[in-house]
């Protein structure tokens, strides 16, 4: 129905809305459908613009609610009467409020979808597609597709990302602020080290999101080793961390000692080559440090975080040597 019919279907007396008749067309919500998705389908089924329809429902002109807090000023008697749904059913279609958490883990846009469900039900958006920890569709079991997918993900990275997603899901659903703060500190460390990780786990880029979720496993299972590998060859990062976390200086010293031990084992290629001039040695050092760091990252990506420490060092050393050969 058009705008005119909507306006004539409602009336107010003394500023209080009168209970309205149910909508003539009410497509049933899909299991776990997002409220904004269902409202758009209701508007389409009743031949009305979304903007006019939201105003008619008392949601504000053009305002499509998604979060629970978006429904605070709603006249529930009126809304429930029009759509023929209970308040509990409508609230269950909203996204939870996670603004109290130290990081964003629920997306405000469609950063991923299920292509199978989309083809079967065009226009339908499910709630769990917005959750950063959701990797597969809860309705059909298919892998969710990111806005910017990546074909270069290794099986190990996928597995690590899945483990990190499970940790994130448990922490959010249990409202475990202690664990969430721990995850938040890990990403603060990554930011100080200059690594390009998204502030949110709901990145539209599949590779970035997978790396971010995999980093959760580092901070959960092997926090000291993960920090040491990231700091390897980067003494400046140590002092930046000392300034950023003054209350954890003893811990930073422990991590630095471990990173120095890793550094002594990794850059053997540099020590084996004799530079003819001191200037050449100085010029090589920053490259060698970065090369060692990249070799360590690649070794972890290939062998996994739970691999034996000596195996990680041996693989990183091999990668380091191959990089040295290629550069020459």
Protein backbone atom coordinates (compact mmCIF):
# COMPACT_ATOMS: atom_id res chain seq x y z
CA UNK A 1 0.00 0.00 0.00
CA UNK A 2 1.17 3.54 -0.73
CA UNK A 3 1.91 6.40 1.60
CA UNK A 4 -1.62 7.78 1.48
CA UNK A 5 -3.13 4.46 2.54
CA UNK A 6 -0.62 4.19 5.38
CA UNK A 7 -1.55 7.61 6.68
CA UNK A 8 -5.26 6.86 6.54
CA UNK A 9 -4.76 3.56 8.38
CA UNK A 10 -3.44 5.27 11.50
CA UNK A 11 -4.87 7.89 13.79
CA UNK A 12 -3.84 9.58 17.01
CA UNK A 13 -5.90 10.87 19.90
CA UNK A 14 -4.28 13.13 22.49
CA UNK A 15 -0.79 12.16 21.23
CA UNK A 16 -1.41 8.42 21.87
CA UNK A 17 -1.40 6.07 18.91
CA UNK A 18 -4.47 3.94 18.41
CA UNK A 19 -3.85 0.21 17.84
CA UNK A 20 -3.77 -0.37 14.08
CA UNK A 21 -4.95 -3.26 11.99
CA UNK A 22 -2.36 -5.85 10.93
CA UNK A 23 -0.59 -5.36 7.62
CA UNK A 24 -2.38 -7.02 4.72
CA UNK A 25 0.80 -8.77 3.59
CA UNK A 26 3.21 -10.14 6.18
CA UNK A 27 5.96 -12.41 4.81
CA UNK A 28 7.29 -14.61 7.60
CA UNK A 29 10.81 -13.85 8.83
CA UNK A 30 13.48 -16.38 7.92
CA UNK A 31 15.17 -18.15 10.82
CA UNK A 32 17.69 -15.73 12.39
CA UNK A 33 16.79 -12.96 9.94
CA UNK A 34 17.98 -9.46 10.82
CA UNK A 35 15.17 -7.07 11.77
CA UNK A 36 16.17 -4.47 9.18
CA UNK A 37 16.09 -7.17 6.49
CA UNK A 38 12.57 -8.24 7.46
CA UNK A 39 11.29 -4.66 7.62
CA UNK A 40 12.56 -4.00 4.10
CA UNK A 41 10.78 -7.12 2.87
CA UNK A 42 7.58 -6.06 4.65
CA UNK A 43 7.73 -2.66 2.98
CA UNK A 44 8.29 -4.24 -0.42
CA UNK A 45 5.43 -6.73 0.07
CA UNK A 46 3.06 -3.86 0.95
CA UNK A 47 4.21 -1.70 -1.99
CA UNK A 48 5.63 1.05 0.20
CA UNK A 49 8.99 2.76 0.41
CA UNK A 50 11.16 1.78 3.35
CA UNK A 51 11.26 5.40 4.53
CA UNK A 52 7.46 5.74 4.67
CA UNK A 53 7.07 2.28 6.15
CA UNK A 54 9.43 3.02 9.06
CA UNK A 55 7.51 6.18 9.79
CA UNK A 56 4.25 4.25 9.75
CA UNK A 57 5.61 1.70 12.24
CA UNK A 58 6.68 4.49 14.58
CA UNK A 59 10.40 3.81 14.06
CA UNK A 60 11.25 7.28 12.83
CA UNK A 61 11.13 8.45 9.25
CA UNK A 62 13.57 6.35 7.23
CA UNK A 63 15.17 4.82 10.29
CA UNK A 64 15.61 1.06 9.95
CA UNK A 65 16.44 -0.44 13.36
CA UNK A 66 19.12 -3.11 13.79
CA UNK A 67 20.28 -2.81 17.40
CA UNK A 68 18.23 -3.41 20.52
CA UNK A 69 18.79 0.19 21.58
CA UNK A 70 17.14 1.38 18.36
CA UNK A 71 13.80 0.17 19.76
CA UNK A 72 13.84 2.07 23.05
CA UNK A 73 11.23 4.65 22.01
CA UNK A 74 8.99 2.24 20.11
CA UNK A 75 5.31 1.93 20.95
CA UNK A 76 5.33 -1.84 21.34
CA UNK A 77 1.55 -2.31 21.41
CA UNK A 78 1.23 -0.52 18.09
CA UNK A 79 4.22 -2.21 16.44
CA UNK A 80 3.28 -5.73 17.54
CA UNK A 81 -0.30 -5.21 16.38
CA UNK A 82 0.77 -4.08 12.91
CA UNK A 83 3.32 -6.84 12.21
CA UNK A 84 1.60 -9.55 14.28
CA UNK A 85 4.75 -10.47 16.21
CA UNK A 86 5.47 -10.40 19.95
CA UNK A 87 7.99 -8.04 21.50
CA UNK A 88 10.32 -10.95 22.30
CA UNK A 89 10.21 -12.14 18.69
CA UNK A 90 11.04 -8.68 17.37
CA UNK A 91 13.85 -8.09 19.88
CA UNK A 92 15.35 -11.48 19.00
CA UNK A 93 15.86 -10.18 15.45
CA UNK A 94 18.10 -7.31 16.55
CA UNK A 95 21.88 -7.26 16.94
CA UNK A 96 23.32 -7.30 20.46
CA UNK A 97 24.91 -4.14 21.81
CA UNK A 98 28.67 -4.68 22.15
CA UNK A 99 29.75 -1.06 22.56
CA UNK A 100 31.04 -1.88 26.06
CA UNK A 101 33.63 -4.26 24.60
CA UNK A 102 37.16 -3.00 23.87
CA UNK A 103 36.88 -3.76 20.14
CA UNK A 104 34.29 -3.97 17.40
CA UNK A 105 33.22 -7.55 16.71
CA UNK A 106 29.78 -7.01 15.14
CA UNK A 107 29.59 -5.32 11.76
CA UNK A 108 27.18 -2.52 10.90
CA UNK A 109 27.16 -3.45 7.23
CA UNK A 110 26.98 -6.60 5.12
CA UNK A 111 30.67 -7.44 5.12
CA UNK A 112 29.95 -11.08 4.27
CA UNK A 113 27.05 -13.14 2.92
CA UNK A 114 26.01 -16.70 2.16
CA UNK A 115 25.72 -16.95 -1.60
CA UNK A 116 23.50 -20.03 -1.41
CA UNK A 117 20.93 -18.42 0.92
CA UNK A 118 21.08 -15.16 -1.02
CA UNK A 119 20.22 -16.93 -4.26
CA UNK A 120 17.34 -18.81 -2.64
CA UNK A 121 15.95 -15.80 -0.75
CA UNK A 122 17.01 -12.54 -2.43
CA UNK A 123 17.15 -9.59 -0.06
CA UNK A 124 17.37 -11.65 3.13
CA UNK A 125 20.18 -10.82 5.58
CA UNK A 126 20.75 -13.10 8.57
CA UNK A 127 21.93 -11.83 11.96
CA UNK A 128 24.90 -14.12 12.35
CA UNK A 129 26.34 -12.95 9.03
CA UNK A 130 27.18 -9.71 10.87
CA UNK A 131 29.13 -11.49 13.63
CA UNK A 132 32.92 -11.36 13.26
CA UNK A 133 33.25 -14.93 14.53
CA UNK A 134 30.82 -16.38 11.97
CA UNK A 135 32.67 -18.20 9.21
CA UNK A 136 29.90 -20.50 7.98
CA UNK A 137 26.16 -19.98 7.47
CA UNK A 138 24.10 -21.27 10.37
CA UNK A 139 21.16 -22.07 8.08
CA UNK A 140 22.81 -24.05 5.28
CA UNK A 141 26.36 -24.69 6.49
CA UNK A 142 28.04 -23.05 3.48
CA UNK A 143 31.19 -20.95 3.92
CA UNK A 144 30.39 -17.24 4.18
CA UNK A 145 31.87 -15.11 1.41
CA UNK A 146 33.60 -11.82 2.25
CA UNK A 147 33.00 -8.63 0.30
CA UNK A 148 36.61 -8.94 -0.90
CA UNK A 149 37.47 -12.66 -0.92
CA UNK A 150 40.98 -14.07 -1.16
CA UNK A 151 42.09 -17.26 -2.87
CA UNK A 152 45.54 -17.27 -1.33
CA UNK A 153 44.65 -18.45 2.17
CA UNK A 154 46.56 -21.49 3.34
CA UNK A 155 44.79 -24.34 5.10
CA UNK A 156 46.78 -23.57 8.25
CA UNK A 157 45.69 -19.94 8.26
CA UNK A 158 42.08 -21.01 7.80
CA UNK A 159 42.38 -23.42 10.71
CA UNK A 160 44.00 -20.83 12.96
CA UNK A 161 41.35 -18.26 12.01
CA UNK A 162 38.62 -20.76 12.88
CA UNK A 163 40.19 -21.37 16.30
CA UNK A 164 40.49 -17.65 16.92
CA UNK A 165 36.86 -17.14 15.87
CA UNK A 166 35.75 -19.78 18.39
CA UNK A 167 37.66 -17.99 21.16
CA UNK A 168 36.11 -14.65 20.20
CA UNK A 169 32.61 -16.13 20.07
CA UNK A 170 32.96 -17.66 23.53
CA UNK A 171 34.33 -14.44 25.01
CA UNK A 172 31.54 -12.27 23.56
CA UNK A 173 28.67 -14.61 24.37
CA UNK A 174 29.94 -15.11 27.94
CA UNK A 175 30.56 -11.36 28.25
CA UNK A 176 34.09 -12.27 29.37
CA UNK A 177 35.56 -8.78 29.64
CA UNK A 178 38.85 -10.11 31.00
CA UNK A 179 39.48 -12.20 27.91
CA UNK A 180 38.28 -9.43 25.61
CA UNK A 181 40.69 -6.99 27.23
CA UNK A 182 43.46 -9.51 26.72
CA UNK A 183 42.61 -9.75 23.03
CA UNK A 184 42.43 -5.98 22.89
CA UNK A 185 45.93 -5.65 24.38
CA UNK A 186 47.26 -8.01 21.74
CA UNK A 187 46.00 -5.77 18.99
CA UNK A 188 47.39 -2.75 20.78
CA UNK A 189 50.77 -4.48 20.62
CA UNK A 190 50.32 -5.20 16.91
CA UNK A 191 49.49 -1.55 16.30
CA UNK A 192 52.60 -0.37 18.15
CA UNK A 193 54.71 -2.78 16.12
CA UNK A 194 53.39 -1.12 12.99
CA UNK A 195 51.53 -4.12 11.61
CA UNK A 196 48.47 -3.43 9.51
CA UNK A 197 45.74 -5.31 11.35
CA UNK A 198 42.16 -4.03 11.29
CA UNK A 199 40.77 -2.50 14.44
CA UNK A 200 37.71 -4.64 13.82
CA UNK A 201 37.53 -8.34 13.10
CA UNK A 202 34.74 -7.62 10.62
CA UNK A 203 37.04 -6.55 7.81
CA UNK A 204 35.64 -6.76 4.30
CA UNK A 205 38.96 -8.25 3.20
CA UNK A 206 39.11 -11.98 3.80
CA UNK A 207 42.90 -12.10 4.22
CA UNK A 208 43.05 -9.30 6.79
CA UNK A 209 40.16 -10.73 8.75
CA UNK A 210 41.67 -14.24 8.74
CA UNK A 211 45.00 -12.89 10.00
CA UNK A 212 43.23 -10.89 12.70
CA UNK A 213 41.27 -13.92 13.91
CA UNK A 214 44.40 -16.07 13.79
CA UNK A 215 46.17 -13.52 15.97
CA UNK A 216 43.64 -14.27 18.70
CA UNK A 217 45.05 -17.77 18.92
CA UNK A 218 48.52 -16.32 19.41
CA UNK A 219 47.46 -14.21 22.37
CA UNK A 220 45.40 -17.05 23.83
CA UNK A 221 47.73 -20.04 23.50
CA UNK A 222 51.28 -18.72 22.98
CA UNK A 223 51.26 -15.02 23.93
CA UNK A 224 54.96 -14.69 24.79
CA UNK A 225 56.18 -16.56 21.72
CA UNK A 226 53.89 -14.58 19.45
CA UNK A 227 55.07 -11.24 20.84
CA UNK A 228 58.71 -12.35 20.70
CA UNK A 229 58.48 -13.32 17.03
CA UNK A 230 56.83 -10.01 16.19
CA UNK A 231 59.54 -8.10 18.05
CA UNK A 232 62.41 -10.09 16.55
CA UNK A 233 64.93 -7.67 15.07
CA UNK A 234 62.90 -4.63 16.11
CA UNK A 235 64.50 -3.11 19.19
CA UNK A 236 62.59 0.13 18.70
CA UNK A 237 59.33 -1.74 19.19
CA UNK A 238 60.52 -2.94 22.59
CA UNK A 239 60.96 0.60 23.88
CA UNK A 240 57.63 1.63 22.38
CA UNK A 241 55.97 -1.23 24.25
CA UNK A 242 57.76 -0.29 27.46
CA UNK A 243 56.32 3.20 27.20
CA UNK A 244 52.86 1.97 26.25
CA UNK A 245 52.66 -0.66 29.02
CA UNK A 246 54.78 0.67 31.92
CA UNK A 247 53.01 -1.63 34.38
CA UNK A 248 54.30 -4.71 32.50
CA UNK A 249 57.99 -3.87 32.20
CA UNK A 250 59.20 -7.17 33.66
CA UNK A 251 57.07 -9.05 31.19
CA UNK A 252 58.42 -6.93 28.33
CA UNK A 253 61.97 -7.74 29.41
CA UNK A 254 61.13 -11.44 29.30
CA UNK A 255 59.67 -11.10 25.82
CA UNK A 256 62.68 -9.10 24.67
CA UNK A 257 65.08 -11.79 25.92
CA UNK A 258 63.15 -14.44 24.00
CA UNK A 259 63.10 -12.29 20.84
CA UNK A 260 66.87 -11.76 21.09
CA UNK A 261 67.34 -15.50 21.37
CA UNK A 262 65.27 -15.97 18.22
CA UNK A 263 67.21 -13.23 16.44
CA UNK A 264 70.54 -14.92 17.20
CA UNK A 265 69.27 -18.10 15.61
CA UNK A 266 67.61 -16.59 12.54
CA UNK A 267 69.91 -14.11 10.73
CA UNK A 268 72.78 -16.53 10.03
CA UNK A 269 72.99 -15.47 6.40
CA UNK A 270 74.04 -11.97 7.38
CA UNK A 271 76.82 -13.21 9.68
CA UNK A 272 78.20 -15.56 7.05
CA UNK A 273 78.74 -12.76 4.52
CA UNK A 274 81.67 -10.37 4.88
CA UNK A 275 80.91 -6.83 3.78
CA UNK A 276 83.84 -4.96 2.20
CA UNK A 277 82.87 -1.66 3.80
CA UNK A 278 81.39 -0.64 7.14
CA UNK A 279 78.81 1.50 5.31
CA UNK A 280 77.51 -1.60 3.56
CA UNK A 281 77.03 -3.37 6.89
CA UNK A 282 75.07 -0.44 8.25
CA UNK A 283 72.89 -0.36 5.16
CA UNK A 284 72.14 -4.07 5.38
CA UNK A 285 71.08 -4.16 9.03
CA UNK A 286 67.56 -2.75 8.65
CA UNK A 287 66.91 -5.08 5.72
CA UNK A 288 68.23 -8.06 7.65
CA UNK A 289 66.02 -7.30 10.63
CA UNK A 290 62.96 -7.00 8.44
CA UNK A 291 63.94 -10.16 6.57
CA UNK A 292 64.21 -12.10 9.81
CA UNK A 293 60.80 -10.87 10.88
CA UNK A 294 59.23 -11.87 7.58
CA UNK A 295 60.89 -15.28 7.73
CA UNK A 296 59.49 -15.86 11.22
CA UNK A 297 56.00 -14.87 10.12
CA UNK A 298 56.10 -17.18 7.11
CA UNK A 299 57.35 -20.08 9.23
CA UNK A 300 54.44 -19.64 11.64
CA UNK A 301 51.99 -19.39 8.73
CA UNK A 302 53.26 -22.64 7.23
CA UNK A 303 53.78 -24.75 10.37
CA UNK A 304 51.13 -23.27 12.67
CA UNK A 305 51.38 -21.72 16.10
CA UNK A 306 51.42 -25.06 17.90
CA UNK A 307 54.42 -26.37 15.98
CA UNK A 308 57.59 -27.33 17.83
CA UNK A 309 59.77 -24.31 18.59
CA UNK A 310 62.88 -25.84 17.05
CA UNK A 311 60.93 -26.73 13.92
CA UNK A 312 59.75 -23.12 13.66
CA UNK A 313 63.31 -21.81 14.04
CA UNK A 314 64.69 -24.27 11.51
CA UNK A 315 62.03 -23.40 8.94
CA UNK A 316 62.47 -19.65 9.49
CA UNK A 317 66.23 -20.09 9.05
CA UNK A 318 65.69 -21.89 5.75
CA UNK A 319 63.36 -19.14 4.55
CA UNK A 320 65.87 -16.50 5.64
CA UNK A 321 68.66 -18.16 3.67
CA UNK A 322 66.52 -18.49 0.56
CA UNK A 323 65.63 -14.80 0.79
CA UNK A 324 69.31 -13.96 1.02
CA UNK A 325 70.08 -16.01 -2.06
CA UNK A 326 67.34 -14.39 -4.07
CA UNK A 327 68.43 -10.88 -3.13
CA UNK A 328 71.85 -11.61 -4.57
